[in-house]
Amino acid sequence: MGKGRGGFQGGMPGNMNNLMKQAQRMQRQMEQAQKELEEKNFEATAGGGAVKAVVNGKKDIVSLTIQPEAVDPEDVEMLQDTIVAALNEALKQVDDESEKLMGGIGGKMNLGF
């Protein structure tokens, strides 16, 4: 009897090597995209511009601007709701941008199946 050979011959080691290179490239792209995201600012307003919130890509609040006419001592709850709305919209923008950036990178990987 002849000597037996291993089960996977030919392309498998090359495919595995390509897969590892693609994974490493994708990792670098994701790190770069994350860095770019963290350096961006996202701005949202609420209450017809009465409140403006700015957050960065790390979801830290950079600034919060409240127009004087939005401050009504008789209706503090409205102001609170407006602030929350502006912050939530700015944070949603961060999530949307992150999803767009990361989704574009993940869709590039060719598994070769």
N, C-alpha and C. Protein backbone atom coordinates (compact mmCIF):
# COMPACT_ATOMS: atom_id res chain seq x y z
N MET A 1 0.83 -1.19 0.00
CA MET A 1 0.00 0.00 0.00
C MET A 1 0.87 1.24 0.00
N GLY A 2 0.36 2.28 -0.69
CA GLY A 2 1.07 3.55 -0.73
C GLY A 2 0.82 4.34 0.53
N LYS A 3 1.65 5.28 0.72
CA LYS A 3 1.46 6.14 1.89
C LYS A 3 0.25 7.03 1.68
N GLY A 4 -0.55 7.17 2.72
CA GLY A 4 -1.74 8.03 2.65
C GLY A 4 -1.37 9.49 2.77
N ARG A 5 -2.23 10.30 2.20
CA ARG A 5 -2.03 11.74 2.29
C ARG A 5 -3.10 12.35 3.18
N GLY A 6 -2.82 13.52 3.67
CA GLY A 6 -3.80 14.22 4.51
C GLY A 6 -5.06 14.54 3.72
N GLY A 7 -6.14 14.78 4.41
CA GLY A 7 -7.44 15.01 3.78
C GLY A 7 -7.53 16.26 2.94
N PHE A 8 -7.00 17.38 3.39
CA PHE A 8 -7.12 18.64 2.65
C PHE A 8 -5.84 18.88 1.86
N GLN A 9 -5.97 18.87 0.58
CA GLN A 9 -4.82 19.11 -0.29
C GLN A 9 -5.05 20.37 -1.10
N GLY A 10 -4.02 20.93 -1.59
CA GLY A 10 -4.16 22.02 -2.54
C GLY A 10 -4.42 23.36 -1.89
N GLY A 11 -5.62 23.88 -2.11
CA GLY A 11 -5.93 25.27 -1.81
C GLY A 11 -6.12 25.64 -0.36
N MET A 12 -6.37 24.74 0.51
CA MET A 12 -6.75 25.11 1.88
C MET A 12 -5.72 25.98 2.59
N PRO A 13 -4.43 25.60 2.62
CA PRO A 13 -3.48 26.48 3.32
C PRO A 13 -3.43 27.88 2.70
N GLY A 14 -3.47 27.98 1.38
CA GLY A 14 -3.47 29.29 0.73
C GLY A 14 -4.70 30.09 1.09
N ASN A 15 -5.87 29.44 1.09
CA ASN A 15 -7.12 30.11 1.44
C ASN A 15 -7.07 30.60 2.88
N MET A 16 -6.50 29.79 3.75
CA MET A 16 -6.41 30.16 5.17
C MET A 16 -5.49 31.37 5.33
N ASN A 17 -4.40 31.37 4.59
CA ASN A 17 -3.46 32.48 4.64
C ASN A 17 -4.14 33.76 4.14
N ASN A 18 -4.87 33.67 3.03
CA ASN A 18 -5.59 34.83 2.51
C ASN A 18 -6.64 35.33 3.50
N LEU A 19 -7.31 34.39 4.13
CA LEU A 19 -8.33 34.73 5.11
C LEU A 19 -7.71 35.49 6.28
N MET A 20 -6.55 35.04 6.73
CA MET A 20 -5.86 35.73 7.84
C MET A 20 -5.43 37.14 7.42
N LYS A 21 -4.93 37.27 6.18
CA LYS A 21 -4.53 38.60 5.69
C LYS A 21 -5.74 39.53 5.62
N GLN A 22 -6.86 39.00 5.13
CA GLN A 22 -8.08 39.81 5.05
C GLN A 22 -8.54 40.23 6.44
N ALA A 23 -8.47 39.31 7.39
CA ALA A 23 -8.89 39.62 8.76
C ALA A 23 -8.00 40.70 9.37
N GLN A 24 -6.70 40.61 9.13
CA GLN A 24 -5.78 41.62 9.66
C GLN A 24 -6.03 42.99 9.01
N ARG A 25 -6.27 42.98 7.68
CA ARG A 25 -6.55 44.23 6.98
C ARG A 25 -7.86 44.83 7.49
N MET A 26 -8.86 43.99 7.69
CA MET A 26 -10.14 44.46 8.20
C MET A 26 -9.98 45.03 9.60
N GLN A 27 -9.16 44.39 10.43
CA GLN A 27 -8.91 44.89 11.79
C GLN A 27 -8.29 46.29 11.74
N ARG A 28 -7.31 46.49 10.85
CA ARG A 28 -6.68 47.81 10.72
C ARG A 28 -7.70 48.85 10.24
N GLN A 29 -8.54 48.46 9.28
CA GLN A 29 -9.55 49.38 8.78
C GLN A 29 -10.55 49.75 9.87
N MET A 30 -10.93 48.77 10.69
CA MET A 30 -11.88 49.04 11.77
C MET A 30 -11.26 49.97 12.81
N GLU A 31 -9.99 49.75 13.13
CA GLU A 31 -9.32 50.63 14.09
C GLU A 31 -9.24 52.06 13.55
N GLN A 32 -8.94 52.20 12.25
CA GLN A 32 -8.86 53.53 11.64
C GLN A 32 -10.23 54.20 11.64
N ALA A 33 -11.28 53.43 11.28
CA ALA A 33 -12.64 53.97 11.26
C ALA A 33 -13.07 54.40 12.65
N GLN A 34 -12.72 53.61 13.67
CA GLN A 34 -13.07 53.95 15.05
C GLN A 34 -12.38 55.24 15.47
N LYS A 35 -11.11 55.39 15.07
CA LYS A 35 -10.37 56.62 15.40
C LYS A 35 -11.03 57.83 14.74
N GLU A 36 -11.40 57.68 13.45
CA GLU A 36 -12.05 58.77 12.73
C GLU A 36 -13.38 59.13 13.38
N LEU A 37 -14.13 58.11 13.79
CA LEU A 37 -15.42 58.34 14.43
C LEU A 37 -15.24 59.12 15.73
N GLU A 38 -14.26 58.73 16.53
CA GLU A 38 -14.04 59.37 17.83
C GLU A 38 -13.64 60.84 17.68
N GLU A 39 -13.06 61.20 16.53
CA GLU A 39 -12.62 62.58 16.33
C GLU A 39 -13.73 63.48 15.79
N LYS A 40 -14.85 62.89 15.39
CA LYS A 40 -15.97 63.68 14.84
C LYS A 40 -16.88 64.19 15.95
N ASN A 41 -17.54 65.31 15.65
CA ASN A 41 -18.58 65.84 16.52
C ASN A 41 -19.93 65.69 15.82
N PHE A 42 -20.97 65.44 16.60
CA PHE A 42 -22.32 65.25 16.09
C PHE A 42 -23.22 66.23 16.82
N GLU A 43 -23.99 66.99 16.05
CA GLU A 43 -24.80 68.07 16.62
C GLU A 43 -26.28 67.80 16.33
N ALA A 44 -27.11 68.06 17.33
CA ALA A 44 -28.55 67.93 17.15
C ALA A 44 -29.24 69.03 17.95
N THR A 45 -30.39 69.46 17.43
CA THR A 45 -31.18 70.45 18.14
C THR A 45 -32.56 69.88 18.42
N ALA A 46 -33.24 70.49 19.37
CA ALA A 46 -34.61 70.12 19.71
C ALA A 46 -35.34 71.37 20.15
N GLY A 47 -36.66 71.27 20.15
CA GLY A 47 -37.47 72.42 20.57
C GLY A 47 -37.32 73.60 19.62
N GLY A 48 -37.23 73.30 18.31
CA GLY A 48 -37.08 74.38 17.34
C GLY A 48 -35.77 75.12 17.47
N GLY A 49 -34.75 74.46 17.94
CA GLY A 49 -33.44 75.09 18.10
C GLY A 49 -33.21 75.66 19.49
N ALA A 50 -34.17 75.47 20.39
CA ALA A 50 -34.03 76.01 21.75
C ALA A 50 -32.88 75.34 22.51
N VAL A 51 -32.63 74.07 22.16
CA VAL A 51 -31.54 73.33 22.80
C VAL A 51 -30.68 72.71 21.71
N LYS A 52 -29.36 72.88 21.83
CA LYS A 52 -28.42 72.27 20.90
C LYS A 52 -27.44 71.43 21.70
N ALA A 53 -27.31 70.17 21.30
CA ALA A 53 -26.37 69.26 21.95
C ALA A 53 -25.30 68.85 20.95
N VAL A 54 -24.06 68.81 21.40
CA VAL A 54 -22.95 68.34 20.58
C VAL A 54 -22.25 67.23 21.36
N VAL A 55 -22.12 66.08 20.71
CA VAL A 55 -21.41 64.95 21.31
C VAL A 55 -20.31 64.52 20.34
N ASN A 56 -19.28 63.86 20.89
CA ASN A 56 -18.24 63.34 20.01
C ASN A 56 -18.49 61.85 19.74
N GLY A 57 -17.64 61.27 18.92
CA GLY A 57 -17.80 59.87 18.55
C GLY A 57 -17.60 58.89 19.68
N LYS A 58 -17.08 59.36 20.80
CA LYS A 58 -16.96 58.51 22.00
C LYS A 58 -18.20 58.61 22.86
N LYS A 59 -19.17 59.40 22.38
CA LYS A 59 -20.44 59.65 23.08
C LYS A 59 -20.25 60.50 24.33
N ASP A 60 -19.21 61.32 24.34
CA ASP A 60 -19.03 62.31 25.40
C ASP A 60 -19.76 63.58 24.98
N ILE A 61 -20.41 64.24 25.92
CA ILE A 61 -21.07 65.50 25.62
C ILE A 61 -20.00 66.58 25.51
N VAL A 62 -19.92 67.23 24.35
CA VAL A 62 -18.95 68.28 24.11
C VAL A 62 -19.51 69.62 24.56
N SER A 63 -20.79 69.87 24.19
CA SER A 63 -21.42 71.11 24.63
C SER A 63 -22.94 70.96 24.62
N LEU A 64 -23.57 71.81 25.41
CA LEU A 64 -25.02 71.86 25.50
C LEU A 64 -25.39 73.33 25.57
N THR A 65 -26.16 73.80 24.57
CA THR A 65 -26.54 75.21 24.51
C THR A 65 -28.05 75.30 24.70
N ILE A 66 -28.47 76.16 25.62
CA ILE A 66 -29.89 76.36 25.88
C ILE A 66 -30.20 77.83 25.66
N GLN A 67 -31.12 78.10 24.76
CA GLN A 67 -31.53 79.48 24.50
C GLN A 67 -32.31 80.00 25.71
N PRO A 68 -32.10 81.25 26.09
CA PRO A 68 -32.77 81.81 27.29
C PRO A 68 -34.29 81.67 27.25
N GLU A 69 -34.88 81.80 26.07
CA GLU A 69 -36.35 81.70 26.00
C GLU A 69 -36.86 80.29 26.29
N ALA A 70 -35.96 79.30 26.29
CA ALA A 70 -36.37 77.92 26.58
C ALA A 70 -36.49 77.69 28.09
N VAL A 71 -35.97 78.61 28.86
CA VAL A 71 -35.98 78.46 30.32
C VAL A 71 -37.25 79.09 30.89
N ASP A 72 -38.16 78.23 31.29
CA ASP A 72 -39.42 78.68 31.90
C ASP A 72 -39.52 78.03 33.27
N PRO A 73 -39.34 78.81 34.34
CA PRO A 73 -39.40 78.23 35.69
C PRO A 73 -40.72 77.50 35.98
N GLU A 74 -41.76 77.86 35.24
CA GLU A 74 -43.06 77.22 35.45
C GLU A 74 -43.17 75.88 34.71
N ASP A 75 -42.20 75.61 33.80
CA ASP A 75 -42.28 74.38 33.01
C ASP A 75 -40.88 73.78 32.83
N VAL A 76 -40.26 73.42 33.93
CA VAL A 76 -38.93 72.83 33.90
C VAL A 76 -38.96 71.48 33.17
N GLU A 77 -40.06 70.76 33.30
CA GLU A 77 -40.17 69.45 32.66
C GLU A 77 -40.02 69.54 31.15
N MET A 78 -40.59 70.56 30.54
CA MET A 78 -40.47 70.75 29.08
C MET A 78 -39.01 70.94 28.69
N LEU A 79 -38.27 71.73 29.46
CA LEU A 79 -36.86 71.95 29.18
C LEU A 79 -36.08 70.65 29.31
N GLN A 80 -36.37 69.89 30.35
CA GLN A 80 -35.69 68.61 30.54
C GLN A 80 -35.95 67.68 29.35
N ASP A 81 -37.19 67.60 28.92
CA ASP A 81 -37.54 66.75 27.78
C ASP A 81 -36.83 67.20 26.51
N THR A 82 -36.71 68.50 26.33
CA THR A 82 -36.05 69.04 25.14
C THR A 82 -34.56 68.71 25.16
N ILE A 83 -33.94 68.82 26.32
CA ILE A 83 -32.52 68.48 26.46
C ILE A 83 -32.31 66.99 26.15
N VAL A 84 -33.14 66.16 26.72
CA VAL A 84 -33.03 64.71 26.49
C VAL A 84 -33.20 64.40 25.01
N ALA A 85 -34.17 65.04 24.36
CA ALA A 85 -34.40 64.81 22.92
C ALA A 85 -33.18 65.19 22.09
N ALA A 86 -32.59 66.33 22.39
CA ALA A 86 -31.41 66.78 21.64
C ALA A 86 -30.23 65.82 21.84
N LEU A 87 -30.00 65.42 23.08
CA LEU A 87 -28.90 64.49 23.36
C LEU A 87 -29.13 63.14 22.69
N ASN A 88 -30.35 62.63 22.79
CA ASN A 88 -30.64 61.33 22.17
C ASN A 88 -30.45 61.37 20.66
N GLU A 89 -30.84 62.46 20.03
CA GLU A 89 -30.67 62.58 18.58
C GLU A 89 -29.18 62.63 18.22
N ALA A 90 -28.39 63.37 18.98
CA ALA A 90 -26.95 63.45 18.71
C ALA A 90 -26.30 62.08 18.89
N LEU A 91 -26.69 61.36 19.95
CA LEU A 91 -26.14 60.02 20.19
C LEU A 91 -26.56 59.04 19.10
N LYS A 92 -27.77 59.18 18.59
CA LYS A 92 -28.24 58.33 17.50
C LYS A 92 -27.38 58.57 16.25
N GLN A 93 -27.00 59.81 16.02
CA GLN A 93 -26.13 60.11 14.89
C GLN A 93 -24.80 59.39 15.00
N VAL A 94 -24.25 59.31 16.22
CA VAL A 94 -23.00 58.58 16.45
C VAL A 94 -23.20 57.11 16.09
N ASP A 95 -24.29 56.51 16.58
CA ASP A 95 -24.56 55.10 16.30
C ASP A 95 -24.74 54.86 14.80
N ASP A 96 -25.46 55.74 14.14
CA ASP A 96 -25.68 55.59 12.70
C ASP A 96 -24.37 55.66 11.93
N GLU A 97 -23.53 56.61 12.29
CA GLU A 97 -22.23 56.77 11.61
C GLU A 97 -21.35 55.55 11.88
N SER A 98 -21.34 55.07 13.11
CA SER A 98 -20.55 53.89 13.47
C SER A 98 -21.01 52.68 12.66
N GLU A 99 -22.31 52.49 12.59
CA GLU A 99 -22.86 51.36 11.84
C GLU A 99 -22.49 51.46 10.36
N LYS A 100 -22.56 52.66 9.82
CA LYS A 100 -22.21 52.88 8.41
C LYS A 100 -20.73 52.54 8.17
N LEU A 101 -19.87 53.05 9.04
CA LEU A 101 -18.43 52.81 8.87
C LEU A 101 -18.08 51.34 9.05
N MET A 102 -18.55 50.74 10.11
CA MET A 102 -18.19 49.35 10.42
C MET A 102 -18.87 48.36 9.46
N GLY A 103 -20.09 48.67 9.07
CA GLY A 103 -20.80 47.81 8.13
C GLY A 103 -20.11 47.77 6.78
N GLY A 104 -19.58 48.90 6.36
CA GLY A 104 -18.86 48.96 5.09
C GLY A 104 -17.59 48.14 5.12
N ILE A 105 -16.93 48.10 6.27
CA ILE A 105 -15.70 47.32 6.39
C ILE A 105 -16.02 45.84 6.42
N GLY A 106 -16.99 45.44 7.23
CA GLY A 106 -17.34 44.02 7.36
C GLY A 106 -17.84 43.42 6.07
N GLY A 107 -18.49 44.22 5.23
CA GLY A 107 -19.01 43.71 3.97
C GLY A 107 -17.94 43.45 2.93
N LYS A 108 -16.70 43.89 3.18
CA LYS A 108 -15.62 43.74 2.21
C LYS A 108 -14.92 42.39 2.31
N MET A 109 -15.13 41.66 3.36
CA MET A 109 -14.37 40.43 3.57
C MET A 109 -14.85 39.33 2.63
N ASN A 110 -13.94 38.76 1.88
CA ASN A 110 -14.24 37.69 0.94
C ASN A 110 -13.76 36.37 1.54
N LEU A 111 -14.71 35.54 1.93
CA LEU A 111 -14.35 34.28 2.58
C LEU A 111 -13.94 33.20 1.58
N GLY A 112 -14.26 33.38 0.32
CA GLY A 112 -13.82 32.44 -0.69
C GLY A 112 -14.56 31.13 -0.71
N PHE A 113 -15.76 31.09 -0.17
CA PHE A 113 -16.53 29.85 -0.18
C PHE A 113 -17.35 29.75 -1.45
